Protein backbone atom coordinates (compact mmCIF):
# COMPACT_ATOMS: atom_id res chain seq x y z
CA UNK A 1 16.11 -0.86 11.89
CA UNK A 2 12.41 -0.30 12.46
CA UNK A 3 10.76 2.22 10.19
CA UNK A 4 7.75 4.37 11.06
CA UNK A 5 5.48 5.27 8.16
CA UNK A 6 3.45 8.46 8.41
CA UNK A 7 1.05 9.44 5.63
CA UNK A 8 -0.71 12.74 5.08
CA UNK A 9 -4.31 11.78 4.28
CA UNK A 10 -5.81 12.55 0.89
CA UNK A 11 -2.66 14.20 -0.44
CA UNK A 12 -3.02 17.37 1.60
CA UNK A 13 0.13 19.25 2.54
CA UNK A 14 0.67 20.19 6.21
CA UNK A 15 0.12 23.79 7.19
CA UNK A 16 3.57 23.93 8.78
CA UNK A 17 6.59 22.27 7.10
CA UNK A 18 7.85 19.29 9.06
CA UNK A 19 11.48 19.30 10.14
CA UNK A 20 13.70 17.04 12.18
CA UNK A 21 15.14 19.92 14.20
CA UNK A 22 14.49 23.61 14.70
CA UNK A 23 17.60 24.45 12.67
CA UNK A 24 16.82 22.26 9.68
CA UNK A 25 17.94 23.55 6.30
CA UNK A 26 15.31 25.11 4.00
CA UNK A 27 13.38 22.63 1.90
CA UNK A 28 14.71 22.07 -1.60
CA UNK A 29 12.55 21.68 -4.68
CA UNK A 30 12.65 17.87 -4.48
CA UNK A 31 14.67 15.07 -2.92
CA UNK A 32 17.10 13.38 -5.28
CA UNK A 33 15.99 9.97 -6.60
CA UNK A 34 17.72 7.10 -4.86
CA UNK A 35 17.24 3.34 -4.41
CA UNK A 36 15.20 4.04 -1.28
CA UNK A 37 15.38 5.90 1.99
CA UNK A 38 17.08 4.49 5.07
CA UNK A 39 15.51 7.07 7.37
CA UNK A 40 13.81 5.63 10.49
CA UNK A 41 10.73 7.79 9.85
CA UNK A 42 9.19 8.07 6.40
CA UNK A 43 6.65 10.86 5.93
CA UNK A 44 4.51 10.95 2.83
CA UNK A 45 1.23 11.71 1.15
CA UNK A 46 -1.50 9.10 0.78
CA UNK A 47 -4.40 8.38 -1.53
CA UNK A 48 -3.04 10.04 -4.65
CA UNK A 49 -5.78 9.81 -7.29
CA UNK A 50 -4.83 7.85 -10.40
CA UNK A 51 -7.96 8.37 -12.49
CA UNK A 52 -6.34 11.15 -14.57
CA UNK A 53 -2.86 10.08 -15.72
CA UNK A 54 -2.28 13.48 -17.31
CA UNK A 55 -2.36 15.17 -13.89
CA UNK A 56 0.02 12.83 -12.07
CA UNK A 57 3.20 14.68 -12.99
CA UNK A 58 1.78 18.04 -11.94
CA UNK A 59 0.54 16.59 -8.63
CA UNK A 60 3.94 15.02 -7.97
CA UNK A 61 5.74 18.27 -8.78
CA UNK A 62 3.32 20.20 -6.56
CA UNK A 63 4.01 17.92 -3.57
CA UNK A 64 7.76 17.47 -4.08
CA UNK A 65 8.89 20.88 -2.68
CA UNK A 66 7.31 20.01 0.66
CA UNK A 67 10.16 17.53 1.15
CA UNK A 68 8.07 14.36 1.35
CA UNK A 69 9.86 11.14 0.47
CA UNK A 70 6.95 8.68 0.34
CA UNK A 71 3.73 8.49 -1.66
CA UNK A 72 0.76 6.12 -1.53
CA UNK A 73 -1.82 5.88 -4.33
CA UNK A 74 -5.55 5.45 -3.73
CA UNK A 75 -5.85 1.65 -3.44
CA UNK A 76 -9.29 1.54 -5.11
CA UNK A 77 -7.59 2.51 -8.38
CA UNK A 78 -5.23 -0.48 -8.35
CA UNK A 79 -7.35 -3.31 -6.95
CA UNK A 80 -6.92 -6.88 -8.13
CA UNK A 81 -10.14 -6.66 -10.15
CA UNK A 82 -9.18 -3.38 -11.82
CA UNK A 83 -5.70 -4.60 -12.76
CA UNK A 84 -6.93 -8.03 -13.86
CA UNK A 85 -10.56 -7.83 -15.04
CA UNK A 86 -10.95 -11.59 -15.56
CA UNK A 87 -9.19 -14.80 -14.58
CA UNK A 88 -7.77 -15.17 -18.09
CA UNK A 89 -6.78 -11.54 -18.56
CA UNK A 90 -3.23 -10.26 -18.32
CA UNK A 91 -2.46 -7.90 -15.44
CA UNK A 92 -2.61 -4.26 -16.56
CA UNK A 93 0.15 -2.28 -14.85
CA UNK A 94 -0.34 0.91 -16.87
CA UNK A 95 -2.11 2.98 -14.20
CA UNK A 96 0.38 2.01 -11.48
CA UNK A 97 3.30 2.52 -13.87
CA UNK A 98 2.13 6.06 -14.59
CA UNK A 99 2.00 6.83 -10.85
CA UNK A 100 5.43 5.37 -10.07
CA UNK A 101 7.05 7.03 -13.06
CA UNK A 102 5.62 10.47 -12.28
CA UNK A 103 6.48 10.43 -8.58
CA UNK A 104 9.94 8.93 -8.98
CA UNK A 105 10.70 11.54 -11.64
CA UNK A 106 9.66 14.24 -9.15
CA UNK A 107 12.12 12.88 -6.58
CA UNK A 108 10.02 10.60 -4.37
CA UNK A 109 12.15 7.70 -3.15
CA UNK A 110 9.73 5.46 -1.25
CA UNK A 111 6.23 4.19 -1.85
CA UNK A 112 3.57 2.29 0.03
CA UNK A 113 1.21 0.24 -2.12
CA UNK A 114 -2.01 -0.96 -0.52
CA UNK A 115 -3.15 -3.99 -2.50
CA UNK A 116 -6.88 -4.59 -2.17
CA UNK A 117 -8.44 -7.87 -3.24
CA UNK A 118 -11.74 -6.48 -4.59
CA UNK A 119 -12.52 -8.49 -7.71
CA UNK A 120 -15.85 -9.25 -9.40
CA UNK A 121 -14.59 -12.69 -10.36
CA UNK A 122 -12.02 -13.55 -7.68
CA UNK A 123 -13.56 -12.29 -4.42
CA UNK A 124 -15.85 -14.34 -2.21
CA UNK A 125 -18.34 -11.48 -2.13
CA UNK A 126 -18.39 -8.60 -4.58
CA UNK A 127 -21.76 -6.77 -4.76
CA UNK A 128 -22.34 -3.47 -6.51
CA UNK A 129 -22.23 -1.60 -3.21
CA UNK A 130 -20.25 -2.62 -0.11
CA UNK A 131 -18.65 -6.04 0.02
CA UNK A 132 -18.94 -8.23 3.09
CA UNK A 133 -15.94 -10.38 2.21
CA UNK A 134 -13.56 -9.40 -0.62
CA UNK A 135 -10.98 -12.10 0.18
CA UNK A 136 -10.10 -14.53 -2.64
CA UNK A 137 -12.29 -17.50 -3.46
CA UNK A 138 -10.38 -20.72 -2.70
CA UNK A 139 -10.24 -21.66 -6.39
CA UNK A 140 -8.59 -18.33 -7.20
CA UNK A 141 -6.11 -18.12 -4.33
CA UNK A 142 -3.20 -19.05 -6.60
CA UNK A 143 -4.29 -16.39 -9.11
CA UNK A 144 -4.30 -13.88 -6.23
CA UNK A 145 -0.80 -14.96 -5.22
CA UNK A 146 0.40 -14.51 -8.81
CA UNK A 147 -1.02 -10.99 -8.87
CA UNK A 148 0.73 -10.06 -5.62
CA UNK A 149 4.01 -11.59 -6.79
CA UNK A 150 3.70 -9.89 -10.17
CA UNK A 151 3.28 -6.44 -8.63
CA UNK A 152 6.25 -6.93 -6.31
CA UNK A 153 8.41 -8.29 -9.13
CA UNK A 154 7.63 -5.38 -11.44
CA UNK A 155 8.74 -2.78 -8.91
CA UNK A 156 11.59 -4.49 -7.03
CA UNK A 157 14.34 -3.07 -9.30
CA UNK A 158 16.20 -6.37 -9.49
CA UNK A 159 16.70 -6.13 -13.24
CA UNK A 160 14.20 -8.89 -14.09
CA UNK A 161 10.72 -8.06 -15.41
CA UNK A 162 10.92 -4.55 -13.97
CA UNK A 163 8.87 -1.57 -15.06
CA UNK A 164 10.74 0.21 -17.89
CA UNK A 165 12.47 3.27 -16.47
CA UNK A 166 12.13 2.23 -12.82
CA UNK A 167 14.52 4.39 -10.77
CA UNK A 168 14.48 2.39 -7.51
CA UNK A 169 12.62 -0.38 -5.71
CA UNK A 170 9.25 -0.25 -4.00
CA UNK A 171 9.65 -2.03 -0.67
CA UNK A 172 6.50 -1.34 1.35
CA UNK A 173 3.21 -3.15 0.79
CA UNK A 174 -0.03 -3.12 2.77
CA UNK A 175 -2.47 -5.98 2.27
CA UNK A 176 -5.93 -4.45 2.17
CA UNK A 177 -6.65 -1.01 3.50
CA UNK A 178 -8.32 0.44 6.60
CA UNK A 179 -9.53 -2.53 8.63
CA UNK A 180 -13.16 -1.46 9.08
CA UNK A 181 -16.10 -1.27 6.69
CA UNK A 182 -13.46 -0.80 3.97
CA UNK A 183 -11.91 -4.17 4.88
CA UNK A 184 -14.94 -5.92 6.39
CA UNK A 185 -14.18 -9.62 6.05
CA UNK A 186 -13.95 -11.96 9.07
CA UNK A 187 -10.57 -11.73 10.79
CA UNK A 188 -9.79 -15.41 10.07
CA UNK A 189 -10.36 -14.89 6.33
CA UNK A 190 -8.24 -11.75 6.33
CA UNK A 191 -5.36 -13.45 8.13
CA UNK A 192 -5.45 -16.35 5.67
CA UNK A 193 -5.25 -13.87 2.79
CA UNK A 194 -2.44 -11.99 4.54
CA UNK A 195 -0.45 -15.20 4.96
CA UNK A 196 -0.73 -16.04 1.25
CA UNK A 197 0.09 -12.48 0.22
CA UNK A 198 3.11 -12.36 2.52
CA UNK A 199 4.51 -15.59 1.08
CA UNK A 200 3.88 -14.53 -2.53
CA UNK A 201 5.48 -11.10 -2.01
CA UNK A 202 8.61 -12.56 -0.43
CA UNK A 203 8.87 -15.22 -3.11
CA UNK A 204 9.23 -12.36 -5.59
CA UNK A 205 11.59 -10.28 -3.43
CA UNK A 206 13.16 -10.92 -0.06
CA UNK A 207 13.60 -7.18 0.45
CA UNK A 208 9.93 -6.20 0.70
CA UNK A 209 8.16 -5.28 3.93
CA UNK A 210 4.56 -6.51 4.08
CA UNK A 211 2.15 -5.04 6.63
CA UNK A 212 -1.41 -5.83 7.64
CA UNK A 213 -4.14 -3.30 6.86
CA UNK A 214 -4.05 -0.21 9.04
CA UNK A 215 -6.92 0.28 11.48
CA UNK A 216 -9.53 2.92 10.72
CA UNK A 217 -9.77 3.82 14.38
CA UNK A 218 -13.14 5.56 14.23
CA UNK A 219 -14.80 2.29 13.21
CA UNK A 220 -12.39 -0.57 13.93
CA UNK A 221 -12.42 0.11 17.69
CA UNK A 222 -16.09 1.11 17.96
CA UNK A 223 -17.16 -2.06 19.84
CA UNK A 224 -14.48 -1.47 22.48
CA UNK A 225 -16.17 0.43 25.29
CA UNK A 226 -13.42 0.16 27.87
CA UNK A 227 -9.66 0.46 27.99
CA UNK A 228 -9.38 -3.14 29.16
CA UNK A 229 -11.39 -4.61 26.29
CA UNK A 230 -9.55 -2.45 23.75
CA UNK A 231 -6.15 -3.58 25.05
CA UNK A 232 -7.25 -7.21 24.95
CA UNK A 233 -8.54 -6.90 21.39
CA UNK A 234 -5.32 -5.26 20.15
CA UNK A 235 -3.26 -7.96 21.86
CA UNK A 236 -5.31 -10.71 20.23
CA UNK A 237 -5.01 -9.12 16.78
CA UNK A 238 -1.28 -8.49 17.11
CA UNK A 239 -0.67 -12.06 18.22
CA UNK A 240 -2.65 -13.43 15.27
CA UNK A 241 -0.89 -11.18 12.75
CA UNK A 242 2.53 -12.09 14.16
CA UNK A 243 1.71 -15.79 13.97
CA UNK A 244 0.75 -15.37 10.31
CA UNK A 245 4.24 -13.96 9.61
CA UNK A 246 3.52 -10.35 8.65
CA UNK A 247 6.57 -8.16 9.08
């Protein structure tokens, strides 16, 4: 069954509660934890800030009564370089663990993790300001794959190397985030990275769903001045992403 993911940007609650029908029951304080939702539409909050672990529980409890089932952390707080500061360093899951633990405890059942490559040692280009190409250097592609696989393994709830206290699996992963100036590398380099990430994620768990980076429409489609050129560009991108195996 296809699943539609809808995120509320920057963690802001909607002005009007969302409901499936006009006669929906009143919202409860929080959905009950479960191994994951099977609903065809998953609505959630995105870009939860992780810089203050002490506030995560209060943020999760604030959002839970809205009835949201999905949450997405700010990807800049869990980049490859932040979680693994050097090629020889162990991966630090503490910040992501705090997020998952707080939001699962508040009743959230599904999560979308956007895994960004930005790394001062592993990326092809990593300046102090904006990067032109954060994809992995060829010599560190296997290290990148191990990072992806390690994240998926820790949160797949299969009983092996899981986060202590994990209440259910995380199934949804986005490689990169906002295809635009936030994900500025050449399309060919991005698709190569996506292919490696897809394979590594599914080697860790066959249950995960891996998606390409979402389009930041205000910038990603800026060069498209006509409906015809826009349709052609989307068709070309979709064909390339499908060929690379993202699903």
